Every structure is written in C-alpha cells, then in structure tokens.
Amino acid sequence: MISIDTNVLLRYLLEDDAEQFEKAAKLISGRQKVLVTDVVLVETIWTLRGKKYQLKKPELVTVIQSLFQEPNIRFEDGQAVWLALTDYRNAKPVKGKEADFADALIVNKSKLIASKENQPFHGSFTFDVAAQTLPGAKAPK
C-alpha cells in the first residue's frame, strides 16, 4: 500500500497539469492499493469547493462517489466516508449555510469510534449551526 498527498489526488482529479496528471494516474492505477487519508480527502474537497474551482455540493458528491469507483483507492475509514457522504448530501441549509463534508465526516467517525469501543455516543458538539443539523451533532449547552 502507498498513500498520496492532496496535491497528487487533485492533479489526478483535475488533469490540469499534464505531467503531474500522468504521474498521479500511474500511482493510482498501479499495482498497489492507494490510501486516501481523511485529511487528504477533506483538504481535496475544501480545495475543490474554494475560490479557484468553486465546485458546488452536487459536484463534490460526484467526486467522492467517483473515488469509491477507483479499484485501487482505499479510504482511511471507508464506512465513515460513505456515511458522511450520505449525511452531507442530505444536509439542509440553515440561514443559507450548509454543513460541510468535513463536519459530516467528524460526526460519523466519532459515531463509529464510539461503537468500536463499545461506548454510547452522546453527540459531536459544535457551535456551527449548519453542522448541528447532521444526525448526531449537537450544540454545546
């Protein structure tokens, strides 16, 4: 197994630098499994959503779904990513702001870790009102 950094994943997804795309594609389609850590995935989504690329939620959902289709790509926690993707896709705006994919991943990783440790999950606390709409997220009292 190998892992890739955000910039390698971005070059692969964007194909905006022919030389770097070729190298990234060679890694991702090679013989080894390719680990995409949570940090790399969140940074990638953040970058694609940012000022330069301005991808919207439906496009970001498609990007994450496409990564699941890549035969060599493995996520740090595929179950948490999939659950986060579902919650992110279903999140409704609050005062014009929607929960981020990162918010959904935080909540779902927390739930799964609590479950693996046989601990009851009592919530992921955040001051972000949009993130509080995610299942399992709560406002601090």
C-alpha atoms as a PDB file:
ATOM      1  CA  MET A   1       0.000   0.000   0.000  1.00  0.00           C
ATOM      2  CA  ILE A   2       1.028   3.559  -0.678  1.00  0.00           C
ATOM      3  CA  SER A   3      -0.606   6.830   0.309  1.00  0.00           C
ATOM      4  CA  ILE A   4      -0.955  10.022  -1.661  1.00  0.00           C
ATOM      5  CA  ASP A   5      -0.980  13.657  -0.663  1.00  0.00           C
ATOM      6  CA  THR A   6      -3.742  16.103  -1.510  1.00  0.00           C
ATOM      7  CA  ASN A   7      -1.798  17.613  -4.401  1.00  0.00           C
ATOM      8  CA  VAL A   8      -1.427  14.210  -6.091  1.00  0.00           C
ATOM      9  CA  LEU A   9      -5.146  13.499  -5.738  1.00  0.00           C
ATOM     10  CA  LEU A  10      -6.026  16.966  -7.048  1.00  0.00           C
ATOM     11  CA  ARG A  11      -3.778  16.612 -10.110  1.00  0.00           C
ATOM     12  CA  TYR A  12      -5.439  13.260 -10.820  1.00  0.00           C
ATOM     13  CA  LEU A  13      -8.954  14.641 -10.459  1.00  0.00           C
ATOM     14  CA  LEU A  14      -8.397  17.935 -12.247  1.00  0.00           C
ATOM     15  CA  GLU A  15      -5.989  16.883 -15.011  1.00  0.00           C
ATOM     16  CA  ASP A  16      -4.768  20.493 -15.001  1.00  0.00           C
ATOM     17  CA  ASP A  17      -1.060  19.684 -15.340  1.00  0.00           C
ATOM     18  CA  ALA A  18      -0.349  17.010 -17.954  1.00  0.00           C
ATOM     19  CA  GLU A  19       2.974  15.879 -16.493  1.00  0.00           C
ATOM     20  CA  GLN A  20       1.710  15.680 -12.915  1.00  0.00           C
ATOM     21  CA  PHE A  21      -1.564  14.074 -14.010  1.00  0.00           C
ATOM     22  CA  GLU A  22       0.369  11.320 -15.772  1.00  0.00           C
ATOM     23  CA  LYS A  23       2.440  10.630 -12.663  1.00  0.00           C
ATOM     24  CA  ALA A  24      -0.619  10.712 -10.389  1.00  0.00           C
ATOM     25  CA  ALA A  25      -2.571   8.409 -12.712  1.00  0.00           C
ATOM     26  CA  LYS A  26       0.344   5.991 -12.801  1.00  0.00           C
ATOM     27  CA  LEU A  27       0.324   5.813  -8.996  1.00  0.00           C
ATOM     28  CA  ILE A  28      -3.436   5.490  -8.679  1.00  0.00           C
ATOM     29  CA  SER A  29      -3.812   2.893 -11.423  1.00  0.00           C
ATOM     30  CA  GLY A  30      -0.661   0.983 -10.473  1.00  0.00           C
ATOM     31  CA  ARG A  31      -0.297  -2.349  -8.748  1.00  0.00           C
ATOM     32  CA  GLN A  32      -0.518  -1.100  -5.195  1.00  0.00           C
ATOM     33  CA  LYS A  33      -3.507  -0.057  -3.141  1.00  0.00           C
ATOM     34  CA  VAL A  34      -3.638   3.708  -2.642  1.00  0.00           C
ATOM     35  CA  LEU A  35      -4.611   5.086   0.762  1.00  0.00           C
ATOM     36  CA  VAL A  36      -6.535   8.356   0.815  1.00  0.00           C
ATOM     37  CA  THR A  37      -6.494   9.524   4.421  1.00  0.00           C
ATOM     38  CA  ASP A  38      -9.290  11.559   5.959  1.00  0.00           C
ATOM     39  CA  VAL A  39      -7.064  14.652   5.966  1.00  0.00           C
ATOM     40  CA  VAL A  40      -6.296  14.290   2.245  1.00  0.00           C
ATOM     41  CA  LEU A  41      -9.964  13.775   1.410  1.00  0.00           C
ATOM     42  CA  VAL A  42     -11.106  16.790   3.442  1.00  0.00           C
ATOM     43  CA  GLU A  43      -8.339  19.006   2.010  1.00  0.00           C
ATOM     44  CA  THR A  44      -9.292  17.904  -1.501  1.00  0.00           C
ATOM     45  CA  ILE A  45     -12.964  18.746  -1.001  1.00  0.00           C
ATOM     46  CA  TRP A  46     -12.062  22.046   0.655  1.00  0.00           C
ATOM     47  CA  THR A  47      -9.811  22.971  -2.295  1.00  0.00           C
ATOM     48  CA  LEU A  48     -12.380  21.987  -4.920  1.00  0.00           C
ATOM     49  CA  ARG A  49     -15.049  23.997  -3.106  1.00  0.00           C
ATOM     50  CA  GLY A  50     -12.795  27.044  -2.701  1.00  0.00           C
ATOM     51  CA  LYS A  51     -12.363  30.254  -4.663  1.00  0.00           C
ATOM     52  CA  LYS A  52     -10.358  28.784  -7.535  1.00  0.00           C
ATOM     53  CA  TYR A  53     -12.514  25.786  -8.526  1.00  0.00           C
ATOM     54  CA  GLN A  54     -15.859  26.682  -6.890  1.00  0.00           C
ATOM     55  CA  LEU A  55     -17.413  23.226  -7.177  1.00  0.00           C
ATOM     56  CA  LYS A  56     -20.908  23.018  -5.736  1.00  0.00           C
ATOM     57  CA  LYS A  57     -22.270  20.324  -3.455  1.00  0.00           C
ATOM     58  CA  PRO A  58     -23.635  18.037  -6.224  1.00  0.00           C
ATOM     59  CA  GLU A  59     -20.263  18.118  -7.992  1.00  0.00           C
ATOM     60  CA  LEU A  60     -18.404  17.389  -4.758  1.00  0.00           C
ATOM     61  CA  VAL A  61     -20.698  14.446  -4.052  1.00  0.00           C
ATOM     62  CA  THR A  62     -19.904  13.123  -7.536  1.00  0.00           C
ATOM     63  CA  VAL A  63     -16.163  13.477  -6.894  1.00  0.00           C
ATOM     64  CA  ILE A  64     -16.362  11.429  -3.690  1.00  0.00           C
ATOM     65  CA  GLN A  65     -18.567   8.821  -5.347  1.00  0.00           C
ATOM     66  CA  SER A  66     -16.081   8.550  -8.223  1.00  0.00           C
ATOM     67  CA  LEU A  67     -13.267   7.855  -5.766  1.00  0.00           C
ATOM     68  CA  PHE A  68     -15.248   4.893  -4.435  1.00  0.00           C
ATOM     69  CA  GLN A  69     -15.292   3.567  -8.011  1.00  0.00           C
ATOM     70  CA  GLU A  70     -11.491   3.606  -8.303  1.00  0.00           C
ATOM     71  CA  PRO A  71     -10.389  -0.015  -7.811  1.00  0.00           C
ATOM     72  CA  ASN A  72      -7.085   0.811  -6.067  1.00  0.00           C
ATOM     73  CA  ILE A  73      -8.263   3.585  -3.772  1.00  0.00           C
ATOM     74  CA  ARG A  74      -8.801   2.780  -0.117  1.00  0.00           C
ATOM     75  CA  PHE A  75     -10.047   5.281   2.432  1.00  0.00           C
ATOM     76  CA  GLU A  76      -8.789   5.520   5.974  1.00  0.00           C
ATOM     77  CA  ASP A  77     -12.307   4.546   7.019  1.00  0.00           C
ATOM     78  CA  GLY A  78     -14.498   3.824   4.005  1.00  0.00           C
ATOM     79  CA  GLN A  79     -17.599   3.235   6.103  1.00  0.00           C
ATOM     80  CA  ALA A  80     -17.271   6.626   7.799  1.00  0.00           C
ATOM     81  CA  VAL A  81     -16.656   8.340   4.452  1.00  0.00           C
ATOM     82  CA  TRP A  82     -19.726   6.706   2.917  1.00  0.00           C
ATOM     83  CA  LEU A  83     -21.946   7.610   5.883  1.00  0.00           C
ATOM     84  CA  ALA A  84     -20.544  11.163   5.865  1.00  0.00           C
ATOM     85  CA  LEU A  85     -21.249  11.428   2.148  1.00  0.00           C
ATOM     86  CA  THR A  86     -24.862  10.427   2.749  1.00  0.00           C
ATOM     87  CA  ASP A  87     -25.299  12.935   5.582  1.00  0.00           C
ATOM     88  CA  TYR A  88     -23.553  15.674   3.584  1.00  0.00           C
ATOM     89  CA  ARG A  89     -25.771  15.025   0.565  1.00  0.00           C
ATOM     90  CA  ASN A  90     -28.915  15.168   2.737  1.00  0.00           C
ATOM     91  CA  ALA A  91     -27.908  18.206   4.834  1.00  0.00           C
ATOM     92  CA  LYS A  92     -30.323  21.106   4.553  1.00  0.00           C
ATOM     93  CA  PRO A  93     -29.184  24.729   4.679  1.00  0.00           C
ATOM     94  CA  VAL A  94     -29.634  26.791   7.830  1.00  0.00           C
ATOM     95  CA  LYS A  95     -29.739  30.535   7.182  1.00  0.00           C
ATOM     96  CA  GLY A  96     -28.101  29.948   3.794  1.00  0.00           C
ATOM     97  CA  LYS A  97     -25.231  27.837   5.155  1.00  0.00           C
ATOM     98  CA  GLU A  98     -24.864  24.084   4.772  1.00  0.00           C
ATOM     99  CA  ALA A  99     -22.852  21.625   6.794  1.00  0.00           C
ATOM    100  CA  ASP A 100     -19.526  20.822   5.165  1.00  0.00           C
ATOM    101  CA  PHE A 101     -18.370  17.351   4.190  1.00  0.00           C
ATOM    102  CA  ALA A 102     -15.727  17.685   6.927  1.00  0.00           C
ATOM    103  CA  ASP A 103     -18.483  18.246   9.508  1.00  0.00           C
ATOM    104  CA  ALA A 104     -20.249  15.089   8.377  1.00  0.00           C
ATOM    105  CA  LEU A 105     -17.021  13.099   8.476  1.00  0.00           C
ATOM    106  CA  ILE A 106     -16.244  14.300  12.012  1.00  0.00           C
ATOM    107  CA  VAL A 107     -19.658  13.172  13.281  1.00  0.00           C
ATOM    108  CA  ASN A 108     -19.586   9.811  11.513  1.00  0.00           C
ATOM    109  CA  LYS A 109     -16.005   8.962  12.512  1.00  0.00           C
ATOM    110  CA  SER A 110     -16.950   9.800  16.102  1.00  0.00           C
ATOM    111  CA  LYS A 111     -20.003   7.524  15.998  1.00  0.00           C
ATOM    112  CA  LEU A 112     -18.013   4.633  14.557  1.00  0.00           C
ATOM    113  CA  ILE A 113     -15.150   5.002  17.030  1.00  0.00           C
ATOM    114  CA  ALA A 114     -17.591   5.053  19.956  1.00  0.00           C
ATOM    115  CA  SER A 115     -19.245   1.940  18.567  1.00  0.00           C
ATOM    116  CA  LYS A 116     -15.904   0.132  18.087  1.00  0.00           C
ATOM    117  CA  GLU A 117     -15.002   0.946  21.685  1.00  0.00           C
ATOM    118  CA  ASN A 118     -18.416  -0.252  22.913  1.00  0.00           C
ATOM    119  CA  GLN A 119     -19.202   3.207  24.229  1.00  0.00           C
ATOM    120  CA  PRO A 120     -22.510   5.023  23.910  1.00  0.00           C
ATOM    121  CA  PHE A 121     -22.271   8.013  21.582  1.00  0.00           C
ATOM    122  CA  HIS A 122     -23.745  11.135  23.138  1.00  0.00           C
ATOM    123  CA  GLY A 123     -23.081  13.540  20.313  1.00  0.00           C
ATOM    124  CA  SER A 124     -20.493  15.522  18.434  1.00  0.00           C
ATOM    125  CA  PHE A 125     -20.616  19.045  19.808  1.00  0.00           C
ATOM    126  CA  THR A 126     -20.205  22.091  17.594  1.00  0.00           C
ATOM    127  CA  PHE A 127     -21.052  25.777  17.573  1.00  0.00           C
ATOM    128  CA  ASP A 128     -21.662  25.570  13.807  1.00  0.00           C
ATOM    129  CA  VAL A 129     -25.456  25.841  13.450  1.00  0.00           C
ATOM    130  CA  ALA A 130     -25.454  24.236   9.988  1.00  0.00           C
ATOM    131  CA  ALA A 131     -23.384  21.299  11.251  1.00  0.00           C
ATOM    132  CA  GLN A 132     -25.832  20.837  14.130  1.00  0.00           C
ATOM    133  CA  THR A 133     -28.387  19.626  11.573  1.00  0.00           C
ATOM    134  CA  LEU A 134     -26.330  16.484  10.940  1.00  0.00           C
ATOM    135  CA  PRO A 135     -27.532  13.339  12.712  1.00  0.00           C
ATOM    136  CA  GLY A 136     -25.506  13.072  15.913  1.00  0.00           C
ATOM    137  CA  ALA A 137     -24.305  16.680  16.019  1.00  0.00           C
ATOM    138  CA  LYS A 138     -25.335  18.881  18.921  1.00  0.00           C
ATOM    139  CA  ALA A 139     -24.942  22.380  20.273  1.00  0.00           C
ATOM    140  CA  PRO A 140     -22.941  22.738  23.482  1.00  0.00           C
ATOM    141  CA  LYS A 141     -25.148  23.765  26.413  1.00  0.00           C
END
